[in-house]
Amino acid sequence: MTFEVDITTDSQFGSVGLERLQQSVVQALQIESVAEAVLSVTLVDNAAIHEINRQYLQHDFATDVISFQLDWTHPELDAPGTASRDRSAGAHIQGEIIASIEYAAGEADRLDWELQSELTLYVIHGMLHICGYDDLDPTEKQIMQARESAILNELGMSEIPRCAACPQPPDGAKEAVE
């Protein structure tokens, strides 16, 4: 397995361990049995992710994470599978993940969770999109959330605080993927 995960930030909002985040992504790729990956992760503020969301997805709001699958190849398959796990087992993937550290700080505060954990959730979420998971319908969303929870659990992180009664971002504001 060969993984190249480059993490950069142009945001001064909050303090996170970039090396720890990179290690978490590499472990998540191993958990998903990806054969090879080249991922670029960029941490930005709300203004920057809002602009990216508007420019590429025509959504006029800030969001948590946006991911772009640049390449997905597999020696035996034409596309990711539809299984509830390991959709990219043996695959070679390339992608970009843009996560808002400012958005993560707000959500972490609202949910009383660590900023590092919230941001790790966003980046793992984006990685799972690149691996072929989606969350546009309820069944797929449930599968994706189960994968997020399982991966974070294997990384030794606490249960994801999902608050159904909490105020939510505008419809569609949480999910922005191409």
N, C-alpha and C. Protein backbone atom coordinates (compact mmCIF):
# COMPACT_ATOMS: atom_id res chain seq x y z
N MET A 1 0.84 -1.18 0.00
CA MET A 1 0.00 0.00 0.00
C MET A 1 0.88 1.24 0.00
N THR A 2 0.57 2.14 -0.91
CA THR A 2 1.30 3.39 -1.01
C THR A 2 0.32 4.54 -0.87
N PHE A 3 0.57 5.40 0.10
CA PHE A 3 -0.32 6.53 0.34
C PHE A 3 0.48 7.82 0.40
N GLU A 4 0.03 8.80 -0.36
CA GLU A 4 0.58 10.15 -0.29
C GLU A 4 -0.56 11.06 0.15
N VAL A 5 -0.45 11.61 1.33
CA VAL A 5 -1.48 12.49 1.87
C VAL A 5 -0.80 13.80 2.25
N ASP A 6 -1.10 14.83 1.47
CA ASP A 6 -0.53 16.15 1.72
C ASP A 6 -1.59 17.04 2.34
N ILE A 7 -1.26 17.63 3.48
CA ILE A 7 -2.20 18.50 4.19
C ILE A 7 -1.59 19.89 4.29
N THR A 8 -2.37 20.86 3.84
CA THR A 8 -1.95 22.25 3.93
C THR A 8 -3.08 23.05 4.55
N THR A 9 -2.73 24.19 5.09
CA THR A 9 -3.76 25.08 5.63
C THR A 9 -3.42 26.51 5.29
N ASP A 10 -4.47 27.24 4.94
CA ASP A 10 -4.30 28.67 4.74
C ASP A 10 -5.21 29.41 5.71
N SER A 11 -5.63 28.69 6.74
CA SER A 11 -6.51 29.27 7.75
C SER A 11 -5.77 29.34 9.09
N GLN A 12 -5.92 30.42 9.76
CA GLN A 12 -5.34 30.59 11.09
C GLN A 12 -6.39 30.34 12.17
N PHE A 13 -7.54 29.81 11.76
CA PHE A 13 -8.66 29.63 12.68
C PHE A 13 -8.53 28.29 13.40
N GLY A 14 -8.15 28.30 14.64
CA GLY A 14 -8.03 27.08 15.42
C GLY A 14 -6.68 26.41 15.24
N SER A 15 -6.38 25.54 16.15
CA SER A 15 -5.11 24.83 16.12
C SER A 15 -5.38 23.34 16.08
N VAL A 16 -4.83 22.68 15.07
CA VAL A 16 -4.99 21.24 14.95
C VAL A 16 -3.64 20.60 14.67
N GLY A 17 -3.52 19.35 15.01
CA GLY A 17 -2.31 18.60 14.73
C GLY A 17 -2.36 18.05 13.32
N LEU A 18 -1.62 18.68 12.41
CA LEU A 18 -1.65 18.26 11.01
C LEU A 18 -1.06 16.86 10.83
N GLU A 19 0.01 16.55 11.57
CA GLU A 19 0.60 15.22 11.46
C GLU A 19 -0.38 14.15 11.96
N ARG A 20 -1.06 14.44 13.04
CA ARG A 20 -2.06 13.51 13.57
C ARG A 20 -3.20 13.31 12.57
N LEU A 21 -3.63 14.39 11.92
CA LEU A 21 -4.68 14.30 10.91
C LEU A 21 -4.21 13.46 9.73
N GLN A 22 -2.98 13.67 9.29
CA GLN A 22 -2.43 12.89 8.19
C GLN A 22 -2.36 11.40 8.55
N GLN A 23 -1.90 11.09 9.77
CA GLN A 23 -1.84 9.70 10.22
C GLN A 23 -3.23 9.07 10.26
N SER A 24 -4.23 9.84 10.65
CA SER A 24 -5.60 9.33 10.70
C SER A 24 -6.10 8.99 9.30
N VAL A 25 -5.78 9.82 8.32
CA VAL A 25 -6.20 9.55 6.94
C VAL A 25 -5.51 8.29 6.42
N VAL A 26 -4.23 8.16 6.67
CA VAL A 26 -3.50 6.97 6.22
C VAL A 26 -4.11 5.72 6.85
N GLN A 27 -4.39 5.76 8.15
CA GLN A 27 -5.01 4.61 8.81
C GLN A 27 -6.38 4.32 8.23
N ALA A 28 -7.15 5.36 7.93
CA ALA A 28 -8.49 5.16 7.35
C ALA A 28 -8.39 4.52 5.96
N LEU A 29 -7.41 4.91 5.18
CA LEU A 29 -7.20 4.29 3.88
C LEU A 29 -6.85 2.80 4.04
N GLN A 30 -6.04 2.49 5.04
CA GLN A 30 -5.71 1.09 5.32
C GLN A 30 -6.96 0.33 5.75
N ILE A 31 -7.76 0.92 6.61
CA ILE A 31 -8.99 0.28 7.07
C ILE A 31 -9.92 -0.02 5.90
N GLU A 32 -9.98 0.89 4.93
CA GLU A 32 -10.82 0.70 3.74
C GLU A 32 -10.15 -0.18 2.69
N SER A 33 -8.94 -0.66 2.97
CA SER A 33 -8.20 -1.57 2.08
C SER A 33 -7.87 -0.97 0.72
N VAL A 34 -7.69 0.35 0.67
CA VAL A 34 -7.28 1.02 -0.56
C VAL A 34 -5.85 0.60 -0.87
N ALA A 35 -5.56 0.32 -2.13
CA ALA A 35 -4.22 -0.12 -2.51
C ALA A 35 -3.25 1.04 -2.63
N GLU A 36 -3.71 2.13 -3.20
CA GLU A 36 -2.84 3.28 -3.42
C GLU A 36 -3.69 4.54 -3.41
N ALA A 37 -3.16 5.60 -2.82
CA ALA A 37 -3.91 6.86 -2.77
C ALA A 37 -2.98 8.05 -2.84
N VAL A 38 -3.45 9.05 -3.56
CA VAL A 38 -2.83 10.37 -3.56
C VAL A 38 -3.94 11.35 -3.23
N LEU A 39 -3.85 11.92 -2.03
CA LEU A 39 -4.88 12.83 -1.55
C LEU A 39 -4.26 14.16 -1.16
N SER A 40 -4.92 15.21 -1.55
CA SER A 40 -4.55 16.56 -1.13
C SER A 40 -5.66 17.05 -0.20
N VAL A 41 -5.27 17.44 0.99
CA VAL A 41 -6.23 17.96 1.98
C VAL A 41 -5.85 19.41 2.26
N THR A 42 -6.82 20.29 2.08
CA THR A 42 -6.58 21.71 2.33
C THR A 42 -7.58 22.18 3.38
N LEU A 43 -7.06 22.77 4.44
CA LEU A 43 -7.89 23.31 5.51
C LEU A 43 -8.04 24.80 5.28
N VAL A 44 -9.27 25.26 5.24
CA VAL A 44 -9.56 26.65 4.91
C VAL A 44 -10.53 27.24 5.93
N ASP A 45 -10.87 28.51 5.76
CA ASP A 45 -11.89 29.13 6.61
C ASP A 45 -13.24 29.09 5.88
N ASN A 46 -14.28 29.60 6.53
CA ASN A 46 -15.63 29.55 5.95
C ASN A 46 -15.73 30.35 4.66
N ALA A 47 -15.08 31.49 4.59
CA ALA A 47 -15.15 32.31 3.38
C ALA A 47 -14.58 31.55 2.18
N ALA A 48 -13.47 30.88 2.38
CA ALA A 48 -12.83 30.14 1.28
C ALA A 48 -13.68 28.95 0.83
N ILE A 49 -14.21 28.18 1.78
CA ILE A 49 -15.01 27.02 1.37
C ILE A 49 -16.34 27.47 0.78
N HIS A 50 -16.87 28.61 1.24
CA HIS A 50 -18.08 29.17 0.65
C HIS A 50 -17.84 29.48 -0.83
N GLU A 51 -16.72 30.10 -1.13
CA GLU A 51 -16.39 30.44 -2.51
C GLU A 51 -16.22 29.18 -3.37
N ILE A 52 -15.54 28.17 -2.85
CA ILE A 52 -15.37 26.91 -3.58
C ILE A 52 -16.72 26.24 -3.80
N ASN A 53 -17.56 26.25 -2.78
CA ASN A 53 -18.89 25.66 -2.87
C ASN A 53 -19.73 26.37 -3.94
N ARG A 54 -19.65 27.69 -3.98
CA ARG A 54 -20.39 28.47 -4.97
C ARG A 54 -19.82 28.22 -6.38
N GLN A 55 -18.51 28.26 -6.51
CA GLN A 55 -17.88 28.14 -7.81
C GLN A 55 -18.06 26.76 -8.45
N TYR A 56 -17.88 25.70 -7.68
CA TYR A 56 -17.89 24.36 -8.25
C TYR A 56 -19.21 23.60 -8.09
N LEU A 57 -19.97 23.93 -7.06
CA LEU A 57 -21.21 23.19 -6.80
C LEU A 57 -22.47 24.05 -6.88
N GLN A 58 -22.29 25.34 -7.12
CA GLN A 58 -23.40 26.28 -7.21
C GLN A 58 -24.26 26.30 -5.94
N HIS A 59 -23.61 26.14 -4.79
CA HIS A 59 -24.27 26.25 -3.49
C HIS A 59 -23.74 27.50 -2.81
N ASP A 60 -24.62 28.40 -2.45
CA ASP A 60 -24.21 29.69 -1.93
C ASP A 60 -24.19 29.71 -0.40
N PHE A 61 -23.32 28.87 0.19
CA PHE A 61 -23.17 28.83 1.63
C PHE A 61 -21.86 28.13 1.98
N ALA A 62 -21.39 28.39 3.19
CA ALA A 62 -20.24 27.66 3.71
C ALA A 62 -20.70 26.26 4.06
N THR A 63 -19.77 25.33 4.07
CA THR A 63 -20.08 23.95 4.41
C THR A 63 -18.89 23.35 5.16
N ASP A 64 -19.01 22.12 5.60
CA ASP A 64 -17.94 21.49 6.36
C ASP A 64 -16.81 20.97 5.48
N VAL A 65 -17.15 20.22 4.44
CA VAL A 65 -16.14 19.58 3.62
C VAL A 65 -16.65 19.41 2.19
N ILE A 66 -15.74 19.57 1.26
CA ILE A 66 -16.02 19.32 -0.15
C ILE A 66 -14.91 18.40 -0.65
N SER A 67 -15.31 17.39 -1.40
CA SER A 67 -14.29 16.48 -1.94
C SER A 67 -14.48 16.32 -3.44
N PHE A 68 -13.37 16.12 -4.11
CA PHE A 68 -13.36 15.91 -5.55
C PHE A 68 -12.60 14.62 -5.84
N GLN A 69 -13.29 13.66 -6.43
CA GLN A 69 -12.64 12.42 -6.84
C GLN A 69 -11.99 12.69 -8.20
N LEU A 70 -10.69 12.67 -8.24
CA LEU A 70 -9.96 12.96 -9.47
C LEU A 70 -9.70 11.70 -10.29
N ASP A 71 -9.54 10.58 -9.60
CA ASP A 71 -9.29 9.33 -10.30
C ASP A 71 -9.66 8.17 -9.39
N TRP A 72 -10.18 7.12 -9.98
CA TRP A 72 -10.51 5.88 -9.27
C TRP A 72 -10.29 4.76 -10.26
N THR A 73 -9.30 3.93 -10.00
CA THR A 73 -9.04 2.79 -10.88
C THR A 73 -8.86 1.54 -10.03
N HIS A 74 -9.20 0.44 -10.63
CA HIS A 74 -9.10 -0.85 -9.96
C HIS A 74 -8.73 -1.88 -11.02
N PRO A 75 -7.89 -2.84 -10.69
CA PRO A 75 -7.48 -3.82 -11.70
C PRO A 75 -8.63 -4.69 -12.22
N GLU A 76 -9.72 -4.80 -11.46
CA GLU A 76 -10.80 -5.70 -11.87
C GLU A 76 -12.17 -5.03 -11.98
N LEU A 77 -12.31 -3.79 -11.52
CA LEU A 77 -13.61 -3.13 -11.52
C LEU A 77 -13.57 -1.81 -12.28
N ASP A 78 -14.73 -1.42 -12.81
CA ASP A 78 -14.83 -0.14 -13.51
C ASP A 78 -15.22 1.00 -12.59
N ALA A 79 -15.85 0.66 -11.46
CA ALA A 79 -16.33 1.68 -10.53
C ALA A 79 -16.37 1.09 -9.12
N PRO A 80 -16.44 1.96 -8.11
CA PRO A 80 -16.53 1.44 -6.73
C PRO A 80 -17.76 0.54 -6.58
N GLY A 81 -17.65 -0.41 -5.68
CA GLY A 81 -18.77 -1.30 -5.42
C GLY A 81 -19.86 -0.60 -4.63
N THR A 82 -20.87 -1.37 -4.25
CA THR A 82 -21.98 -0.82 -3.47
C THR A 82 -22.09 -1.49 -2.11
N ALA A 83 -21.06 -2.21 -1.71
CA ALA A 83 -21.06 -2.90 -0.42
C ALA A 83 -21.09 -1.88 0.71
N SER A 84 -21.41 -2.35 1.90
CA SER A 84 -21.49 -1.44 3.04
C SER A 84 -20.11 -1.09 3.60
N ARG A 85 -19.05 -1.72 3.08
CA ARG A 85 -17.69 -1.37 3.49
C ARG A 85 -16.72 -1.79 2.39
N ASP A 86 -15.50 -1.27 2.48
CA ASP A 86 -14.42 -1.63 1.55
C ASP A 86 -14.77 -1.42 0.08
N ARG A 87 -15.47 -0.34 -0.24
CA ARG A 87 -15.87 -0.08 -1.63
C ARG A 87 -14.69 0.16 -2.54
N SER A 88 -13.58 0.52 -1.98
CA SER A 88 -12.40 0.77 -2.81
C SER A 88 -11.27 -0.20 -2.47
N ALA A 89 -11.62 -1.37 -1.96
CA ALA A 89 -10.59 -2.38 -1.64
C ALA A 89 -9.82 -2.71 -2.91
N GLY A 90 -8.50 -2.51 -2.84
CA GLY A 90 -7.64 -2.80 -3.98
C GLY A 90 -7.57 -1.69 -5.01
N ALA A 91 -8.27 -0.59 -4.80
CA ALA A 91 -8.32 0.49 -5.79
C ALA A 91 -7.16 1.48 -5.62
N HIS A 92 -6.94 2.22 -6.68
CA HIS A 92 -6.00 3.33 -6.71
C HIS A 92 -6.85 4.59 -6.83
N ILE A 93 -6.74 5.48 -5.85
CA ILE A 93 -7.58 6.66 -5.84
C ILE A 93 -6.75 7.94 -5.80
N GLN A 94 -7.33 8.99 -6.35
CA GLN A 94 -6.75 10.33 -6.25
C GLN A 94 -7.89 11.29 -5.98
N GLY A 95 -7.63 12.27 -5.13
CA GLY A 95 -8.68 13.23 -4.87
C GLY A 95 -8.20 14.42 -4.07
N GLU A 96 -9.10 15.38 -4.00
CA GLU A 96 -8.87 16.58 -3.21
C GLU A 96 -9.97 16.70 -2.17
N ILE A 97 -9.57 17.07 -0.97
CA ILE A 97 -10.51 17.30 0.13
C ILE A 97 -10.25 18.69 0.66
N ILE A 98 -11.31 19.50 0.71
CA ILE A 98 -11.21 20.84 1.27
C ILE A 98 -12.13 20.87 2.48
N ALA A 99 -11.59 21.16 3.64
CA ALA A 99 -12.38 21.18 4.87
C ALA A 99 -12.24 22.54 5.54
N SER A 100 -13.35 23.00 6.11
CA SER A 100 -13.33 24.28 6.80
C SER A 100 -13.01 24.07 8.28
N ILE A 101 -11.85 24.56 8.68
CA ILE A 101 -11.46 24.47 10.08
C ILE A 101 -12.35 25.40 10.93
N GLU A 102 -12.79 26.50 10.34
CA GLU A 102 -13.67 27.43 11.05
C GLU A 102 -15.04 26.77 11.30
N TYR A 103 -15.57 26.10 10.29
CA TYR A 103 -16.84 25.39 10.43
C TYR A 103 -16.70 24.30 11.50
N ALA A 104 -15.57 23.58 11.45
CA ALA A 104 -15.31 22.51 12.42
C ALA A 104 -15.26 23.06 13.84
N ALA A 105 -14.64 24.23 14.01
CA ALA A 105 -14.54 24.83 15.35
C ALA A 105 -15.93 25.17 15.88
N GLY A 106 -16.78 25.70 15.02
CA GLY A 106 -18.14 26.02 15.45
C GLY A 106 -18.94 24.79 15.83
N GLU A 107 -18.84 23.74 15.01
CA GLU A 107 -19.57 22.50 15.29
C GLU A 107 -19.02 21.80 16.53
N ALA A 108 -17.71 21.78 16.68
CA ALA A 108 -17.09 21.15 17.85
C ALA A 108 -17.57 21.85 19.13
N ASP A 109 -17.63 23.16 19.08
CA ASP A 109 -18.11 23.92 20.24
C ASP A 109 -19.58 23.62 20.51
N ARG A 110 -20.38 23.61 19.45
CA ARG A 110 -21.82 23.36 19.58
C ARG A 110 -22.10 21.96 20.13
N LEU A 111 -21.32 20.99 19.72
CA LEU A 111 -21.54 19.60 20.11
C LEU A 111 -20.67 19.16 21.29
N ASP A 112 -19.87 20.11 21.83
CA ASP A 112 -18.99 19.83 22.95
C ASP A 112 -18.05 18.65 22.63
N TRP A 113 -17.34 18.80 21.52
CA TRP A 113 -16.42 17.77 21.01
C TRP A 113 -15.12 18.46 20.65
N GLU A 114 -14.03 17.75 20.57
CA GLU A 114 -12.74 18.34 20.24
C GLU A 114 -12.68 18.79 18.78
N LEU A 115 -12.03 19.92 18.55
CA LEU A 115 -11.83 20.41 17.19
C LEU A 115 -11.09 19.38 16.34
N GLN A 116 -10.06 18.77 16.87
CA GLN A 116 -9.29 17.76 16.13
C GLN A 116 -10.20 16.63 15.67
N SER A 117 -11.09 16.18 16.54
CA SER A 117 -12.00 15.09 16.21
C SER A 117 -12.99 15.50 15.13
N GLU A 118 -13.55 16.69 15.26
CA GLU A 118 -14.52 17.18 14.27
C GLU A 118 -13.86 17.31 12.90
N LEU A 119 -12.67 17.87 12.87
CA LEU A 119 -11.97 18.03 11.61
C LEU A 119 -11.58 16.67 11.02
N THR A 120 -11.18 15.75 11.86
CA THR A 120 -10.87 14.39 11.39
C THR A 120 -12.11 13.76 10.77
N LEU A 121 -13.26 13.93 11.40
CA LEU A 121 -14.52 13.44 10.84
C LEU A 121 -14.73 14.01 9.44
N TYR A 122 -14.54 15.31 9.25
CA TYR A 122 -14.74 15.93 7.94
C TYR A 122 -13.82 15.33 6.89
N VAL A 123 -12.56 15.18 7.25
CA VAL A 123 -11.59 14.68 6.27
C VAL A 123 -11.87 13.21 5.95
N ILE A 124 -12.23 12.42 6.94
CA ILE A 124 -12.60 11.02 6.69
C ILE A 124 -13.85 10.96 5.83
N HIS A 125 -14.80 11.83 6.09
CA HIS A 125 -16.03 11.90 5.28
C HIS A 125 -15.68 12.17 3.81
N GLY A 126 -14.82 13.16 3.59
CA GLY A 126 -14.40 13.47 2.23
C GLY A 126 -13.66 12.31 1.59
N MET A 127 -12.81 11.64 2.35
CA MET A 127 -12.08 10.48 1.85
C MET A 127 -13.04 9.37 1.44
N LEU A 128 -14.07 9.15 2.25
CA LEU A 128 -15.04 8.11 1.92
C LEU A 128 -15.78 8.42 0.62
N HIS A 129 -16.06 9.70 0.38
CA HIS A 129 -16.67 10.07 -0.91
C HIS A 129 -15.73 9.70 -2.06
N ILE A 130 -14.47 9.98 -1.90
CA ILE A 130 -13.49 9.65 -2.94
C ILE A 130 -13.40 8.13 -3.13
N CYS A 131 -13.64 7.39 -2.06
CA CYS A 131 -13.64 5.92 -2.12
C CYS A 131 -14.92 5.34 -2.71
N GLY A 132 -15.91 6.19 -2.98
CA GLY A 132 -17.11 5.69 -3.64
C GLY A 132 -18.37 5.68 -2.80
N TYR A 133 -18.30 6.15 -1.57
CA TYR A 133 -19.49 6.22 -0.73
C TYR A 133 -20.24 7.51 -1.04
N ASP A 134 -21.54 7.49 -0.82
CA ASP A 134 -22.34 8.68 -1.05
C ASP A 134 -23.34 8.81 0.09
N ASP A 135 -23.96 9.94 0.19
CA ASP A 135 -24.92 10.16 1.28
C ASP A 135 -26.13 10.95 0.81
N LEU A 136 -26.48 10.77 -0.46
CA LEU A 136 -27.59 11.52 -1.02
C LEU A 136 -28.95 10.90 -0.75
N ASP A 137 -29.01 9.61 -0.49
CA ASP A 137 -30.28 9.00 -0.09
C ASP A 137 -30.12 8.41 1.31
N PRO A 138 -31.23 8.20 2.01
CA PRO A 138 -31.15 7.77 3.41
C PRO A 138 -30.37 6.47 3.64
N THR A 139 -30.51 5.49 2.77
CA THR A 139 -29.81 4.22 2.95
C THR A 139 -28.30 4.42 2.80
N GLU A 140 -27.90 5.14 1.76
CA GLU A 140 -26.48 5.40 1.55
C GLU A 140 -25.90 6.26 2.67
N LYS A 141 -26.67 7.23 3.14
CA LYS A 141 -26.22 8.08 4.24
C LYS A 141 -25.96 7.24 5.49
N GLN A 142 -26.85 6.30 5.75
CA GLN A 142 -26.70 5.43 6.92
C GLN A 142 -25.43 4.57 6.78
N ILE A 143 -25.19 4.05 5.58
CA ILE A 143 -23.98 3.25 5.34
C ILE A 143 -22.74 4.11 5.56
N MET A 144 -22.77 5.32 5.02
CA MET A 144 -21.60 6.20 5.14
C MET A 144 -21.35 6.59 6.59
N GLN A 145 -22.40 6.91 7.32
CA GLN A 145 -22.23 7.26 8.73
C GLN A 145 -21.71 6.08 9.54
N ALA A 146 -22.15 4.88 9.20
CA ALA A 146 -21.64 3.69 9.88
C ALA A 146 -20.15 3.51 9.61
N ARG A 147 -19.71 3.76 8.37
CA ARG A 147 -18.29 3.67 8.04
C ARG A 147 -17.49 4.73 8.80
N GLU A 148 -18.02 5.97 8.85
CA GLU A 148 -17.35 7.03 9.61
C GLU A 148 -17.17 6.60 11.06
N SER A 149 -18.24 6.12 11.66
CA SER A 149 -18.17 5.71 13.07
C SER A 149 -17.18 4.57 13.27
N ALA A 150 -17.21 3.57 12.38
CA ALA A 150 -16.31 2.42 12.51
C ALA A 150 -14.85 2.86 12.37
N ILE A 151 -14.58 3.72 11.41
CA ILE A 151 -13.20 4.18 11.20
C ILE A 151 -12.74 5.00 12.39
N LEU A 152 -13.55 5.95 12.84
CA LEU A 152 -13.15 6.76 13.99
C LEU A 152 -12.96 5.90 15.24
N ASN A 153 -13.79 4.88 15.39
CA ASN A 153 -13.63 3.96 16.51
C ASN A 153 -12.29 3.23 16.41
N GLU A 154 -11.94 2.77 15.21
CA GLU A 154 -10.65 2.09 15.03
C GLU A 154 -9.48 3.05 15.24
N LEU A 155 -9.72 4.34 15.04
CA LEU A 155 -8.68 5.34 15.29
C LEU A 155 -8.60 5.70 16.77
N GLY A 156 -9.49 5.11 17.58
CA GLY A 156 -9.48 5.37 19.02
C GLY A 156 -10.21 6.64 19.42
N MET A 157 -11.06 7.13 18.53
CA MET A 157 -11.80 8.35 18.84
C MET A 157 -13.16 8.01 19.42
N SER A 158 -13.70 8.97 20.16
CA SER A 158 -14.99 8.76 20.81
C SER A 158 -16.13 8.73 19.80
N GLU A 159 -17.28 8.33 20.27
CA GLU A 159 -18.48 8.29 19.45
C GLU A 159 -18.77 9.66 18.85
N ILE A 160 -19.19 9.67 17.60
CA ILE A 160 -19.51 10.93 16.92
C ILE A 160 -20.78 11.49 17.55
N PRO A 161 -20.73 12.72 18.02
CA PRO A 161 -21.94 13.32 18.60
C PRO A 161 -22.90 13.78 17.50
N ARG A 162 -23.88 12.96 17.19
CA ARG A 162 -24.89 13.31 16.19
C ARG A 162 -26.12 13.78 16.95
N CYS A 163 -26.46 15.01 16.75
CA CYS A 163 -27.52 15.64 17.53
C CYS A 163 -28.72 15.93 16.65
N ALA A 164 -29.68 15.02 16.60
CA ALA A 164 -30.86 15.20 15.76
C ALA A 164 -31.70 16.39 16.19
N ALA A 165 -31.69 16.72 17.47
CA ALA A 165 -32.50 17.82 17.97
C ALA A 165 -31.80 19.17 17.86
N CYS A 166 -30.50 19.16 17.54
CA CYS A 166 -29.75 20.41 17.44
C CYS A 166 -30.16 21.17 16.18
N PRO A 167 -30.05 22.49 16.23
CA PRO A 167 -30.30 23.26 15.01
C PRO A 167 -29.34 22.83 13.93
N GLN A 168 -29.83 22.67 12.72
CA GLN A 168 -29.01 22.20 11.61
C GLN A 168 -28.71 23.34 10.64
N PRO A 169 -27.63 23.20 9.87
CA PRO A 169 -27.32 24.17 8.84
C PRO A 169 -28.44 24.18 7.79
N PRO A 170 -28.49 25.18 6.92
CA PRO A 170 -29.51 25.21 5.88
C PRO A 170 -29.52 23.91 5.09
N ASP A 171 -30.68 23.54 4.55
CA ASP A 171 -30.83 22.31 3.79
C ASP A 171 -29.73 22.19 2.75
N GLY A 172 -28.99 21.10 2.80
CA GLY A 172 -27.91 20.87 1.86
C GLY A 172 -26.59 21.50 2.26
N ALA A 173 -26.57 22.33 3.28
CA ALA A 173 -25.34 23.04 3.64
C ALA A 173 -24.29 22.10 4.19
N LYS A 174 -24.70 20.99 4.77
CA LYS A 174 -23.74 20.07 5.38
C LYS A 174 -23.05 19.20 4.34
N GLU A 175 -23.70 18.92 3.24
CA GLU A 175 -23.16 18.00 2.26
C GLU A 175 -22.85 18.71 0.96
N ALA A 176 -21.63 18.80 0.61
CA ALA A 176 -21.24 19.41 -0.65
C ALA A 176 -20.14 18.58 -1.27
N VAL A 177 -20.52 17.76 -2.25
CA VAL A 177 -19.56 16.84 -2.85
C VAL A 177 -19.73 16.84 -4.35
N GLU A 178 -18.63 16.75 -5.04
CA GLU A 178 -18.69 16.60 -6.49
C GLU A 178 -18.01 15.31 -6.86
